[in-house]
Amino acid sequence: QVQLVESGGGLVQAGGSLRLSCAASGRTFSSYAMGWFRQAPGKEREFVAGISWSGGSTYYADSVKGRFTISRDKAKNTVYLQMNTLKPEDTAVYYCAADRRPYGSRLSSEYAYWGQGTQVTVSS
């Protein structure tokens, strides 16, 4: 069993930055791929970024590529999402998720564990 707790959301002006954290519990966390997803009001949950179990492979949605960076610290059992040059369209609830497989997926249905989400609001 893995429990995930996100933090770091908030209100920021367009062009600003935020760093989201996802703290995981469970001794098998280090073998799981991790992902960040987001859901804006009235929209479906969408993939944002993913990272393999080792941290050696990362992948992003086209909408955030070059602005967001996903990373993980195995010693701290934590995954991060550094978000730069934020835009109003980035406003959403952001969720981290754990995939029992080592390389992850862009599909939310492939992830077994989810956090409760953290709100990110970008004002124009």
PDB file of N, CA and C in Angstrom:
ATOM      1  N   GLN A   1       0.840  -1.185   0.000  1.00  0.00           N
ATOM      2  CA  GLN A   1       0.000   0.000   0.000  1.00  0.00           C
ATOM      3  C   GLN A   1       0.883   1.245   0.000  1.00  0.00           C
ATOM      4  N   VAL A   2       0.509   2.225  -0.777  1.00  0.00           N
ATOM      5  CA  VAL A   2       1.231   3.493  -0.862  1.00  0.00           C
ATOM      6  C   VAL A   2       0.253   4.622  -0.573  1.00  0.00           C
ATOM      7  N   GLN A   3       0.646   5.530   0.278  1.00  0.00           N
ATOM      8  CA  GLN A   3      -0.150   6.728   0.535  1.00  0.00           C
ATOM      9  C   GLN A   3       0.610   7.932   0.027  1.00  0.00           C
ATOM     10  N   LEU A   4      -0.093   8.840  -0.637  1.00  0.00           N
ATOM     11  CA  LEU A   4       0.514  10.004  -1.269  1.00  0.00           C
ATOM     12  C   LEU A   4      -0.123  11.276  -0.731  1.00  0.00           C
ATOM     13  N   VAL A   5       0.716  12.258  -0.400  1.00  0.00           N
ATOM     14  CA  VAL A   5       0.215  13.531   0.110  1.00  0.00           C
ATOM     15  C   VAL A   5       0.898  14.659  -0.656  1.00  0.00           C
ATOM     16  N   GLU A   6       0.107  15.437  -1.389  1.00  0.00           N
ATOM     17  CA  GLU A   6       0.633  16.561  -2.147  1.00  0.00           C
ATOM     18  C   GLU A   6       0.660  17.826  -1.292  1.00  0.00           C
ATOM     19  N   SER A   7       1.568  18.723  -1.634  1.00  0.00           N
ATOM     20  CA  SER A   7       1.625  20.044  -1.004  1.00  0.00           C
ATOM     21  C   SER A   7       2.292  21.004  -1.968  1.00  0.00           C
ATOM     22  N   GLY A   8       2.206  22.292  -1.645  1.00  0.00           N
ATOM     23  CA  GLY A   8       2.905  23.292  -2.433  1.00  0.00           C
ATOM     24  C   GLY A   8       2.039  24.105  -3.373  1.00  0.00           C
ATOM     25  N   GLY A   9       0.762  23.770  -3.451  1.00  0.00           N
ATOM     26  CA  GLY A   9      -0.113  24.547  -4.310  1.00  0.00           C
ATOM     27  C   GLY A   9      -0.377  25.932  -3.740  1.00  0.00           C
ATOM     28  N   GLY A  10      -1.027  26.758  -4.545  1.00  0.00           N
ATOM     29  CA  GLY A  10      -1.345  28.098  -4.083  1.00  0.00           C
ATOM     30  C   GLY A  10      -1.743  29.000  -5.218  1.00  0.00           C
ATOM     31  N   LEU A  11      -1.762  30.290  -4.924  1.00  0.00           N
ATOM     32  CA  LEU A  11      -2.119  31.319  -5.885  1.00  0.00           C
ATOM     33  C   LEU A  11      -0.850  32.030  -6.342  1.00  0.00           C
ATOM     34  N   VAL A  12      -0.686  32.147  -7.649  1.00  0.00           N
ATOM     35  CA  VAL A  12       0.501  32.790  -8.196  1.00  0.00           C
ATOM     36  C   VAL A  12       0.107  33.577  -9.430  1.00  0.00           C
ATOM     37  N   GLN A  13       0.828  34.637  -9.708  1.00  0.00           N
ATOM     38  CA  GLN A  13       0.569  35.421 -10.915  1.00  0.00           C
ATOM     39  C   GLN A  13       1.152  34.732 -12.144  1.00  0.00           C
ATOM     40  N   ALA A  14       0.584  35.027 -13.271  1.00  0.00           N
ATOM     41  CA  ALA A  14       1.102  34.486 -14.529  1.00  0.00           C
ATOM     42  C   ALA A  14       2.580  34.857 -14.670  1.00  0.00           C
ATOM     43  N   GLY A  15       3.356  33.870 -15.121  1.00  0.00           N
ATOM     44  CA  GLY A  15       4.792  34.059 -15.238  1.00  0.00           C
ATOM     45  C   GLY A  15       5.566  33.613 -14.021  1.00  0.00           C
ATOM     46  N   GLY A  16       4.855  33.347 -12.928  1.00  0.00           N
ATOM     47  CA  GLY A  16       5.507  32.931 -11.697  1.00  0.00           C
ATOM     48  C   GLY A  16       5.793  31.449 -11.647  1.00  0.00           C
ATOM     49  N   SER A  17       6.277  30.996 -10.486  1.00  0.00           N
ATOM     50  CA  SER A  17       6.682  29.605 -10.306  1.00  0.00           C
ATOM     51  C   SER A  17       6.109  29.039  -9.025  1.00  0.00           C
ATOM     52  N   LEU A  18       5.935  27.728  -9.035  1.00  0.00           N
ATOM     53  CA  LEU A  18       5.560  26.968  -7.851  1.00  0.00           C
ATOM     54  C   LEU A  18       6.267  25.628  -7.913  1.00  0.00           C
ATOM     55  N   ARG A  19       6.521  25.048  -6.734  1.00  0.00           N
ATOM     56  CA  ARG A  19       7.042  23.691  -6.689  1.00  0.00           C
ATOM     57  C   ARG A  19       6.089  22.833  -5.872  1.00  0.00           C
ATOM     58  N   LEU A  20       5.539  21.829  -6.503  1.00  0.00           N
ATOM     59  CA  LEU A  20       4.672  20.873  -5.817  1.00  0.00           C
ATOM     60  C   LEU A  20       5.509  19.715  -5.299  1.00  0.00           C
ATOM     61  N   SER A  21       5.106  19.213  -4.151  1.00  0.00           N
ATOM     62  CA  SER A  21       5.754  18.042  -3.570  1.00  0.00           C
ATOM     63  C   SER A  21       4.718  16.950  -3.359  1.00  0.00           C
ATOM     64  N   CYS A  22       5.171  15.724  -3.457  1.00  0.00           N
ATOM     65  CA  CYS A  22       4.311  14.565  -3.208  1.00  0.00           C
ATOM     66  C   CYS A  22       5.091  13.609  -2.309  1.00  0.00           C
ATOM     67  N   ALA A  23       4.696  13.555  -1.050  1.00  0.00           N
ATOM     68  CA  ALA A  23       5.366  12.680  -0.090  1.00  0.00           C
ATOM     69  C   ALA A  23       4.675  11.326  -0.066  1.00  0.00           C
ATOM     70  N   ALA A  24       5.463  10.288  -0.194  1.00  0.00           N
ATOM     71  CA  ALA A  24       4.917   8.935  -0.270  1.00  0.00           C
ATOM     72  C   ALA A  24       5.319   8.104   0.938  1.00  0.00           C
ATOM     73  N   SER A  25       4.413   7.280   1.369  1.00  0.00           N
ATOM     74  CA  SER A  25       4.727   6.299   2.412  1.00  0.00           C
ATOM     75  C   SER A  25       4.614   4.919   1.817  1.00  0.00           C
ATOM     76  N   GLY A  26       5.368   3.999   2.369  1.00  0.00           N
ATOM     77  CA  GLY A  26       5.339   2.642   1.831  1.00  0.00           C
ATOM     78  C   GLY A  26       6.712   2.245   1.344  1.00  0.00           C
ATOM     79  N   ARG A  27       7.145   1.090   1.736  1.00  0.00           N
ATOM     80  CA  ARG A  27       8.524   0.688   1.457  1.00  0.00           C
ATOM     81  C   ARG A  27       8.773   0.352   0.006  1.00  0.00           C
ATOM     82  N   THR A  28       7.707   0.189  -0.795  1.00  0.00           N
ATOM     83  CA  THR A  28       7.897  -0.172  -2.197  1.00  0.00           C
ATOM     84  C   THR A  28       7.864   1.039  -3.113  1.00  0.00           C
ATOM     85  N   PHE A  29       7.774   2.239  -2.535  1.00  0.00           N
ATOM     86  CA  PHE A  29       7.662   3.450  -3.341  1.00  0.00           C
ATOM     87  C   PHE A  29       8.794   3.565  -4.340  1.00  0.00           C
ATOM     88  N   SER A  30       9.988   3.213  -3.939  1.00  0.00           N
ATOM     89  CA  SER A  30      11.150   3.435  -4.801  1.00  0.00           C
ATOM     90  C   SER A  30      11.097   2.610  -6.081  1.00  0.00           C
ATOM     91  N   SER A  31      10.278   1.603  -6.127  1.00  0.00           N
ATOM     92  CA  SER A  31      10.191   0.770  -7.333  1.00  0.00           C
ATOM     93  C   SER A  31       9.042   1.178  -8.252  1.00  0.00           C
ATOM     94  N   TYR A  32       8.298   2.188  -7.874  1.00  0.00           N
ATOM     95  CA  TYR A  32       7.138   2.626  -8.646  1.00  0.00           C
ATOM     96  C   TYR A  32       7.467   3.812  -9.537  1.00  0.00           C
ATOM     97  N   ALA A  33       6.891   3.833 -10.719  1.00  0.00           N
ATOM     98  CA  ALA A  33       6.884   5.058 -11.514  1.00  0.00           C
ATOM     99  C   ALA A  33       5.874   6.025 -10.893  1.00  0.00           C
ATOM    100  N   MET A  34       6.104   7.301 -11.112  1.00  0.00           N
ATOM    101  CA  MET A  34       5.231   8.327 -10.542  1.00  0.00           C
ATOM    102  C   MET A  34       4.764   9.287 -11.631  1.00  0.00           C
ATOM    103  N   GLY A  35       3.603   9.855 -11.404  1.00  0.00           N
ATOM    104  CA  GLY A  35       3.088  10.806 -12.376  1.00  0.00           C
ATOM    105  C   GLY A  35       2.376  11.957 -11.695  1.00  0.00           C
ATOM    106  N   TRP A  36       2.290  13.051 -12.419  1.00  0.00           N
ATOM    107  CA  TRP A  36       1.465  14.199 -12.010  1.00  0.00           C
ATOM    108  C   TRP A  36       0.360  14.364 -13.043  1.00  0.00           C
ATOM    109  N   PHE A  37      -0.836  14.571 -12.546  1.00  0.00           N
ATOM    110  CA  PHE A  37      -2.002  14.841 -13.380  1.00  0.00           C
ATOM    111  C   PHE A  37      -2.671  16.105 -12.863  1.00  0.00           C
ATOM    112  N   ARG A  38      -3.558  16.670 -13.658  1.00  0.00           N
ATOM    113  CA  ARG A  38      -4.305  17.836 -13.209  1.00  0.00           C
ATOM    114  C   ARG A  38      -5.715  17.789 -13.758  1.00  0.00           C
ATOM    115  N   GLN A  39      -6.601  18.456 -13.035  1.00  0.00           N
ATOM    116  CA  GLN A  39      -7.996  18.524 -13.458  1.00  0.00           C
ATOM    117  C   GLN A  39      -8.533  19.915 -13.199  1.00  0.00           C
ATOM    118  N   ALA A  40      -8.922  20.576 -14.269  1.00  0.00           N
ATOM    119  CA  ALA A  40      -9.534  21.892 -14.180  1.00  0.00           C
ATOM    120  C   ALA A  40     -11.050  21.727 -14.098  1.00  0.00           C
ATOM    121  N   PRO A  41     -11.750  22.738 -13.569  1.00  0.00           N
ATOM    122  CA  PRO A  41     -13.212  22.637 -13.445  1.00  0.00           C
ATOM    123  C   PRO A  41     -13.875  22.363 -14.788  1.00  0.00           C
ATOM    124  N   GLY A  42     -14.736  21.367 -14.808  1.00  0.00           N
ATOM    125  CA  GLY A  42     -15.467  21.040 -16.019  1.00  0.00           C
ATOM    126  C   GLY A  42     -14.672  20.280 -17.065  1.00  0.00           C
ATOM    127  N   LYS A  43     -13.442  19.908 -16.721  1.00  0.00           N
ATOM    128  CA  LYS A  43     -12.606  19.194 -17.679  1.00  0.00           C
ATOM    129  C   LYS A  43     -12.186  17.839 -17.116  1.00  0.00           C
ATOM    130  N   GLU A  44     -11.752  16.974 -18.011  1.00  0.00           N
ATOM    131  CA  GLU A  44     -11.265  15.669 -17.586  1.00  0.00           C
ATOM    132  C   GLU A  44      -9.858  15.788 -17.000  1.00  0.00           C
ATOM    133  N   ARG A  45      -9.519  14.809 -16.169  1.00  0.00           N
ATOM    134  CA  ARG A  45      -8.172  14.768 -15.627  1.00  0.00           C
ATOM    135  C   ARG A  45      -7.188  14.506 -16.765  1.00  0.00           C
ATOM    136  N   GLU A  46      -6.078  15.243 -16.778  1.00  0.00           N
ATOM    137  CA  GLU A  46      -5.115  15.090 -17.851  1.00  0.00           C
ATOM    138  C   GLU A  46      -3.708  14.871 -17.304  1.00  0.00           C
ATOM    139  N   PHE A  47      -2.938  14.143 -18.086  1.00  0.00           N
ATOM    140  CA  PHE A  47      -1.554  13.859 -17.747  1.00  0.00           C
ATOM    141  C   PHE A  47      -0.719  15.135 -17.841  1.00  0.00           C
ATOM    142  N   VAL A  48       0.211  15.298 -16.897  1.00  0.00           N
ATOM    143  CA  VAL A  48       1.116  16.444 -16.909  1.00  0.00           C
ATOM    144  C   VAL A  48       2.567  15.982 -17.096  1.00  0.00           C
ATOM    145  N   ALA A  49       3.023  15.073 -16.219  1.00  0.00           N
ATOM    146  CA  ALA A  49       4.422  14.635 -16.271  1.00  0.00           C
ATOM    147  C   ALA A  49       4.552  13.281 -15.602  1.00  0.00           C
ATOM    148  N   GLY A  50       5.566  12.518 -16.025  1.00  0.00           N
ATOM    149  CA  GLY A  50       5.822  11.212 -15.435  1.00  0.00           C
ATOM    150  C   GLY A  50       7.306  10.970 -15.273  1.00  0.00           C
ATOM    151  N   ILE A  51       7.655  10.079 -14.347  1.00  0.00           N
ATOM    152  CA  ILE A  51       9.052   9.757 -14.089  1.00  0.00           C
ATOM    153  C   ILE A  51       9.155   8.279 -13.754  1.00  0.00           C
ATOM    154  N   SER A  52      10.196   7.650 -14.281  1.00  0.00           N
ATOM    155  CA  SER A  52      10.383   6.227 -14.052  1.00  0.00           C
ATOM    156  C   SER A  52      10.842   5.953 -12.620  1.00  0.00           C
ATOM    157  N   TRP A  53      10.866   4.668 -12.263  1.00  0.00           N
ATOM    158  CA  TRP A  53      11.228   4.294 -10.908  1.00  0.00           C
ATOM    159  C   TRP A  53      12.622   4.783 -10.529  1.00  0.00           C
ATOM    160  N   SER A  54      13.532   4.817 -11.484  1.00  0.00           N
ATOM    161  CA  SER A  54      14.912   5.218 -11.212  1.00  0.00           C
ATOM    162  C   SER A  54      15.111   6.723 -11.284  1.00  0.00           C
ATOM    163  N   GLY A  55      14.171   7.397 -11.907  1.00  0.00           N
ATOM    164  CA  GLY A  55      14.344   8.820 -12.162  1.00  0.00           C
ATOM    165  C   GLY A  55      15.087   9.087 -13.454  1.00  0.00           C
ATOM    166  N   GLY A  56      15.488   8.043 -14.135  1.00  0.00           N
ATOM    167  CA  GLY A  56      16.282   8.219 -15.336  1.00  0.00           C
ATOM    168  C   GLY A  56      15.485   8.571 -16.573  1.00  0.00           C
ATOM    169  N   SER A  57      14.182   8.381 -16.507  1.00  0.00           N
ATOM    170  CA  SER A  57      13.320   8.682 -17.646  1.00  0.00           C
ATOM    171  C   SER A  57      12.189   9.600 -17.199  1.00  0.00           C
ATOM    172  N   THR A  58      12.035  10.704 -17.913  1.00  0.00           N
ATOM    173  CA  THR A  58      10.943  11.634 -17.635  1.00  0.00           C
ATOM    174  C   THR A  58      10.221  11.952 -18.937  1.00  0.00           C
ATOM    175  N   TYR A  59       8.950  12.278 -18.831  1.00  0.00           N
ATOM    176  CA  TYR A  59       8.175  12.620 -20.019  1.00  0.00           C
ATOM    177  C   TYR A  59       7.066  13.583 -19.611  1.00  0.00           C
ATOM    178  N   TYR A  60       6.643  14.409 -20.588  1.00  0.00           N
ATOM    179  CA  TYR A  60       5.763  15.524 -20.293  1.00  0.00           C
ATOM    180  C   TYR A  60       4.662  15.658 -21.337  1.00  0.00           C
ATOM    181  N   ALA A  61       3.586  16.267 -20.909  1.00  0.00           N
ATOM    182  CA  ALA A  61       2.568  16.697 -21.851  1.00  0.00           C
ATOM    183  C   ALA A  61       3.136  17.852 -22.667  1.00  0.00           C
ATOM    184  N   ASP A  62       2.723  17.950 -23.912  1.00  0.00           N
ATOM    185  CA  ASP A  62       3.230  19.024 -24.775  1.00  0.00           C
ATOM    186  C   ASP A  62       2.945  20.404 -24.186  1.00  0.00           C
ATOM    187  N   SER A  63       1.839  20.531 -23.482  1.00  0.00           N
ATOM    188  CA  SER A  63       1.429  21.835 -22.961  1.00  0.00           C
ATOM    189  C   SER A  63       2.350  22.362 -21.863  1.00  0.00           C
ATOM    190  N   VAL A  64       3.145  21.478 -21.245  1.00  0.00           N
ATOM    191  CA  VAL A  64       4.012  21.922 -20.144  1.00  0.00           C
ATOM    192  C   VAL A  64       5.487  21.711 -20.448  1.00  0.00           C
ATOM    193  N   LYS A  65       5.784  21.078 -21.555  1.00  0.00           N
ATOM    194  CA  LYS A  65       7.180  20.775 -21.886  1.00  0.00           C
ATOM    195  C   LYS A  65       7.998  22.055 -21.970  1.00  0.00           C
ATOM    196  N   GLY A  66       9.147  22.039 -21.316  1.00  0.00           N
ATOM    197  CA  GLY A  66      10.005  23.212 -21.294  1.00  0.00           C
ATOM    198  C   GLY A  66       9.701  24.170 -20.165  1.00  0.00           C
ATOM    199  N   ARG A  67       8.562  23.993 -19.497  1.00  0.00           N
ATOM    200  CA  ARG A  67       8.194  24.858 -18.369  1.00  0.00           C
ATOM    201  C   ARG A  67       8.167  24.088 -17.049  1.00  0.00           C
ATOM    202  N   PHE A  68       7.779  22.829 -17.087  1.00  0.00           N
ATOM    203  CA  PHE A  68       7.657  22.012 -15.879  1.00  0.00           C
ATOM    204  C   PHE A  68       8.775  20.977 -15.854  1.00  0.00           C
ATOM    205  N   THR A  69       9.206  20.632 -14.642  1.00  0.00           N
ATOM    206  CA  THR A  69      10.220  19.589 -14.460  1.00  0.00           C
ATOM    207  C   THR A  69       9.803  18.660 -13.325  1.00  0.00           C
ATOM    208  N   ILE A  70       9.773  17.367 -13.613  1.00  0.00           N
ATOM    209  CA  ILE A  70       9.468  16.368 -12.590  1.00  0.00           C
ATOM    210  C   ILE A  70      10.764  15.741 -12.117  1.00  0.00           C
ATOM    211  N   SER A  71      10.844  15.480 -10.828  1.00  0.00           N
ATOM    212  CA  SER A  71      12.029  14.840 -10.255  1.00  0.00           C
ATOM    213  C   SER A  71      11.610  14.035  -9.036  1.00  0.00           C
ATOM    214  N   ARG A  72      12.517  13.176  -8.575  1.00  0.00           N
ATOM    215  CA  ARG A  72      12.201  12.399  -7.381  1.00  0.00           C
ATOM    216  C   ARG A  72      13.440  12.266  -6.514  1.00  0.00           C
ATOM    217  N   ASP A  73      13.200  12.221  -5.219  1.00  0.00           N
ATOM    218  CA  ASP A  73      14.264  12.030  -4.236  1.00  0.00           C
ATOM    219  C   ASP A  73      13.911  10.759  -3.466  1.00  0.00           C
ATOM    220  N   LYS A  74      14.592   9.668  -3.786  1.00  0.00           N
ATOM    221  CA  LYS A  74      14.251   8.392  -3.166  1.00  0.00           C
ATOM    222  C   LYS A  74      14.550   8.393  -1.678  1.00  0.00           C
ATOM    223  N   ALA A  75      15.573   9.104  -1.273  1.00  0.00           N
ATOM    224  CA  ALA A  75      15.918   9.136   0.153  1.00  0.00           C
ATOM    225  C   ALA A  75      14.809   9.779   0.969  1.00  0.00           C
ATOM    226  N   LYS A  76      14.104  10.722   0.349  1.00  0.00           N
ATOM    227  CA  LYS A  76      13.024  11.432   1.039  1.00  0.00           C
ATOM    228  C   LYS A  76      11.657  10.885   0.666  1.00  0.00           C
ATOM    229  N   ASN A  77      11.619   9.871  -0.209  1.00  0.00           N
ATOM    230  CA  ASN A  77      10.334   9.325  -0.660  1.00  0.00           C
ATOM    231  C   ASN A  77       9.419  10.422  -1.196  1.00  0.00           C
ATOM    232  N   THR A  78       9.977  11.300  -1.982  1.00  0.00           N
ATOM    233  CA  THR A  78       9.233  12.474  -2.439  1.00  0.00           C
ATOM    234  C   THR A  78       9.439  12.686  -3.934  1.00  0.00           C
ATOM    235  N   VAL A  79       8.361  13.071  -4.583  1.00  0.00           N
ATOM    236  CA  VAL A  79       8.393  13.465  -5.995  1.00  0.00           C
ATOM    237  C   VAL A  79       8.031  14.947  -6.077  1.00  0.00           C
ATOM    238  N   TYR A  80       8.685  15.638  -6.974  1.00  0.00           N
ATOM    239  CA  TYR A  80       8.468  17.082  -7.114  1.00  0.00           C
ATOM    240  C   TYR A  80       7.985  17.419  -8.519  1.00  0.00           C
ATOM    241  N   LEU A  81       7.292  18.534  -8.607  1.00  0.00           N
ATOM    242  CA  LEU A  81       6.946  19.114  -9.900  1.00  0.00           C
ATOM    243  C   LEU A  81       7.266  20.598  -9.819  1.00  0.00           C
ATOM    244  N   GLN A  82       8.360  20.970 -10.458  1.00  0.00           N
ATOM    245  CA  GLN A  82       8.742  22.380 -10.537  1.00  0.00           C
ATOM    246  C   GLN A  82       8.012  23.002 -11.719  1.00  0.00           C
ATOM    247  N   MET A  83       7.244  24.025 -11.445  1.00  0.00           N
ATOM    248  CA  MET A  83       6.432  24.660 -12.478  1.00  0.00           C
ATOM    249  C   MET A  83       6.880  26.101 -12.655  1.00  0.00           C
ATOM    250  N   ASN A  84       7.396  26.419 -13.822  1.00  0.00           N
ATOM    251  CA  ASN A  84       7.865  27.762 -14.139  1.00  0.00           C
ATOM    252  C   ASN A  84       7.022  28.376 -15.243  1.00  0.00           C
ATOM    253  N   THR A  85       7.113  29.672 -15.368  1.00  0.00           N
ATOM    254  CA  THR A  85       6.388  30.409 -16.409  1.00  0.00           C
ATOM    255  C   THR A  85       4.922  29.973 -16.445  1.00  0.00           C
ATOM    256  N   LEU A  86       4.300  30.014 -15.297  1.00  0.00           N
ATOM    257  CA  LEU A  86       2.920  29.543 -15.195  1.00  0.00           C
ATOM    258  C   LEU A  86       1.967  30.429 -15.979  1.00  0.00           C
ATOM    259  N   LYS A  87       0.924  29.794 -16.507  1.00  0.00           N
ATOM    260  CA  LYS A  87      -0.087  30.466 -17.303  1.00  0.00           C
ATOM    261  C   LYS A  87      -1.454  30.258 -16.643  1.00  0.00           C
ATOM    262  N   PRO A  88      -2.398  31.143 -16.897  1.00  0.00           N
ATOM    263  CA  PRO A  88      -3.744  30.951 -16.330  1.00  0.00           C
ATOM    264  C   PRO A  88      -4.342  29.584 -16.676  1.00  0.00           C
ATOM    265  N   GLU A  89      -4.021  29.067 -17.839  1.00  0.00           N
ATOM    266  CA  GLU A  89      -4.568  27.768 -18.242  1.00  0.00           C
ATOM    267  C   GLU A  89      -3.950  26.598 -17.466  1.00  0.00           C
ATOM    268  N   ASP A  90      -2.949  26.867 -16.642  1.00  0.00           N
ATOM    269  CA  ASP A  90      -2.393  25.831 -15.760  1.00  0.00           C
ATOM    270  C   ASP A  90      -3.218  25.675 -14.484  1.00  0.00           C
ATOM    271  N   THR A  91      -4.182  26.552 -14.289  1.00  0.00           N
ATOM    272  CA  THR A  91      -5.028  26.482 -13.100  1.00  0.00           C
ATOM    273  C   THR A  91      -5.791  25.166 -13.059  1.00  0.00           C
ATOM    274  N   ALA A  92      -5.645  24.443 -11.953  1.00  0.00           N
ATOM    275  CA  ALA A  92      -6.275  23.132 -11.811  1.00  0.00           C
ATOM    276  C   ALA A  92      -5.937  22.572 -10.434  1.00  0.00           C
ATOM    277  N   VAL A  93      -6.582  21.475 -10.103  1.00  0.00           N
ATOM    278  CA  VAL A  93      -6.148  20.669  -8.966  1.00  0.00           C
ATOM    279  C   VAL A  93      -5.114  19.681  -9.496  1.00  0.00           C
ATOM    280  N   TYR A  94      -3.970  19.644  -8.864  1.00  0.00           N
ATOM    281  CA  TYR A  94      -2.880  18.774  -9.298  1.00  0.00           C
ATOM    282  C   TYR A  94      -2.800  17.552  -8.374  1.00  0.00           C
ATOM    283  N   TYR A  95      -2.695  16.391  -9.002  1.00  0.00           N
ATOM    284  CA  TYR A  95      -2.645  15.131  -8.278  1.00  0.00           C
ATOM    285  C   TYR A  95      -1.351  14.393  -8.607  1.00  0.00           C
ATOM    286  N   CYS A  96      -0.750  13.775  -7.601  1.00  0.00           N
ATOM    287  CA  CYS A  96       0.318  12.844  -7.906  1.00  0.00           C
ATOM    288  C   CYS A  96      -0.234  11.426  -7.814  1.00  0.00           C
ATOM    289  N   ALA A  97       0.412  10.540  -8.539  1.00  0.00           N
ATOM    290  CA  ALA A  97      -0.067   9.164  -8.622  1.00  0.00           C
ATOM    291  C   ALA A  97       1.110   8.212  -8.732  1.00  0.00           C
ATOM    292  N   ALA A  98       0.915   6.996  -8.241  1.00  0.00           N
ATOM    293  CA  ALA A  98       1.952   5.969  -8.277  1.00  0.00           C
ATOM    294  C   ALA A  98       1.501   4.794  -9.129  1.00  0.00           C
ATOM    295  N   ASP A  99       2.390   4.351  -9.982  1.00  0.00           N
ATOM    296  CA  ASP A  99       2.146   3.208 -10.858  1.00  0.00           C
ATOM    297  C   ASP A  99       3.015   2.054 -10.373  1.00  0.00           C
ATOM    298  N   ARG A 100       2.427   0.909 -10.128  1.00  0.00           N
ATOM    299  CA  ARG A 100       3.202  -0.225  -9.601  1.00  0.00           C
ATOM    300  C   ARG A 100       4.269  -0.699 -10.577  1.00  0.00           C
ATOM    301  N   ARG A 101       4.143  -0.343 -11.836  1.00  0.00           N
ATOM    302  CA  ARG A 101       5.143  -0.729 -12.821  1.00  0.00           C
ATOM    303  C   ARG A 101       6.284   0.272 -12.804  1.00  0.00           C
ATOM    304  N   PRO A 102       7.447  -0.085 -13.323  1.00  0.00           N
ATOM    305  CA  PRO A 102       8.620   0.788 -13.169  1.00  0.00           C
ATOM    306  C   PRO A 102       8.686   1.999 -14.100  1.00  0.00           C
ATOM    307  N   TYR A 103       7.942   1.974 -15.230  1.00  0.00           N
ATOM    308  CA  TYR A 103       8.147   3.055 -16.198  1.00  0.00           C
ATOM    309  C   TYR A 103       6.951   3.968 -16.383  1.00  0.00           C
ATOM    310  N   GLY A 104       5.808   3.650 -15.840  1.00  0.00           N
ATOM    311  CA  GLY A 104       4.682   4.557 -15.834  1.00  0.00           C
ATOM    312  C   GLY A 104       3.960   4.663 -17.156  1.00  0.00           C
ATOM    313  N   SER A 105       3.037   5.616 -17.194  1.00  0.00           N
ATOM    314  CA  SER A 105       2.157   5.766 -18.352  1.00  0.00           C
ATOM    315  C   SER A 105       1.573   7.163 -18.359  1.00  0.00           C
ATOM    316  N   ARG A 106       1.061   7.563 -19.498  1.00  0.00           N
ATOM    317  CA  ARG A 106       0.321   8.821 -19.608  1.00  0.00           C
ATOM    318  C   ARG A 106      -1.163   8.628 -19.304  1.00  0.00           C
ATOM    319  N   LEU A 107      -1.563   7.388 -19.080  1.00  0.00           N
ATOM    320  CA  LEU A 107      -2.973   7.080 -18.852  1.00  0.00           C
ATOM    321  C   LEU A 107      -3.270   7.020 -17.363  1.00  0.00           C
ATOM    322  N   SER A 108      -4.244   7.805 -16.911  1.00  0.00           N
ATOM    323  CA  SER A 108      -4.572   7.824 -15.489  1.00  0.00           C
ATOM    324  C   SER A 108      -5.070   6.465 -15.007  1.00  0.00           C
ATOM    325  N   SER A 109      -5.678   5.712 -15.874  1.00  0.00           N
ATOM    326  CA  SER A 109      -6.224   4.407 -15.487  1.00  0.00           C
ATOM    327  C   SER A 109      -5.131   3.395 -15.119  1.00  0.00           C
ATOM    328  N   GLU A 110      -3.897   3.682 -15.496  1.00  0.00           N
ATOM    329  CA  GLU A 110      -2.791   2.770 -15.214  1.00  0.00           C
ATOM    330  C   GLU A 110      -2.200   2.971 -13.825  1.00  0.00           C
ATOM    331  N   TYR A 111      -2.597   4.028 -13.139  1.00  0.00           N
ATOM    332  CA  TYR A 111      -2.021   4.354 -11.841  1.00  0.00           C
ATOM    333  C   TYR A 111      -2.881   3.781 -10.717  1.00  0.00           C
ATOM    334  N   ALA A 112      -2.198   3.147  -9.752  1.00  0.00           N
ATOM    335  CA  ALA A 112      -2.917   2.438  -8.697  1.00  0.00           C
ATOM    336  C   ALA A 112      -3.217   3.303  -7.485  1.00  0.00           C
ATOM    337  N   TYR A 113      -2.393   4.288  -7.222  1.00  0.00           N
ATOM    338  CA  TYR A 113      -2.531   5.087  -6.005  1.00  0.00           C
ATOM    339  C   TYR A 113      -2.541   6.563  -6.351  1.00  0.00           C
ATOM    340  N   TRP A 114      -3.368   7.315  -5.613  1.00  0.00           N
ATOM    341  CA  TRP A 114      -3.550   8.737  -5.881  1.00  0.00           C
ATOM    342  C   TRP A 114      -3.521   9.526  -4.581  1.00  0.00           C
ATOM    343  N   GLY A 115      -2.992  10.755  -4.679  1.00  0.00           N
ATOM    344  CA  GLY A 115      -3.089  11.679  -3.574  1.00  0.00           C
ATOM    345  C   GLY A 115      -4.416  12.411  -3.594  1.00  0.00           C
ATOM    346  N   GLN A 116      -4.594  13.303  -2.635  1.00  0.00           N
ATOM    347  CA  GLN A 116      -5.873  14.015  -2.513  1.00  0.00           C
ATOM    348  C   GLN A 116      -5.933  15.265  -3.385  1.00  0.00           C
ATOM    349  N   GLY A 117      -4.794  15.694  -3.900  1.00  0.00           N
ATOM    350  CA  GLY A 117      -4.754  16.845  -4.781  1.00  0.00           C
ATOM    351  C   GLY A 117      -4.397  18.138  -4.063  1.00  0.00           C
ATOM    352  N   THR A 118      -3.820  19.064  -4.817  1.00  0.00           N
ATOM    353  CA  THR A 118      -3.497  20.390  -4.306  1.00  0.00           C
ATOM    354  C   THR A 118      -3.867  21.410  -5.368  1.00  0.00           C
ATOM    355  N   GLN A 119      -4.496  22.495  -4.940  1.00  0.00           N
ATOM    356  CA  GLN A 119      -5.011  23.503  -5.879  1.00  0.00           C
ATOM    357  C   GLN A 119      -3.899  24.447  -6.323  1.00  0.00           C
ATOM    358  N   VAL A 120      -3.820  24.651  -7.615  1.00  0.00           N
ATOM    359  CA  VAL A 120      -2.927  25.654  -8.196  1.00  0.00           C
ATOM    360  C   VAL A 120      -3.800  26.644  -8.962  1.00  0.00           C
ATOM    361  N   THR A 121      -3.666  27.916  -8.629  1.00  0.00           N
ATOM    362  CA  THR A 121      -4.426  28.970  -9.296  1.00  0.00           C
ATOM    363  C   THR A 121      -3.458  30.009  -9.826  1.00  0.00           C
ATOM    364  N   VAL A 122      -3.544  30.263 -11.122  1.00  0.00           N
ATOM    365  CA  VAL A 122      -2.662  31.231 -11.771  1.00  0.00           C
ATOM    366  C   VAL A 122      -3.515  32.397 -12.241  1.00  0.00           C
ATOM    367  N   SER A 123      -3.238  33.570 -11.721  1.00  0.00           N
ATOM    368  CA  SER A 123      -4.006  34.752 -12.087  1.00  0.00           C
ATOM    369  C   SER A 123      -3.334  35.484 -13.236  1.00  0.00           C
ATOM    370  N   SER A 124      -4.175  36.103 -14.056  1.00  0.00           N
ATOM    371  CA  SER A 124      -3.640  36.815 -15.230  1.00  0.00           C
ATOM    372  C   SER A 124      -3.315  38.258 -14.902  1.00  0.00           C
TER     373      SER A 124
END
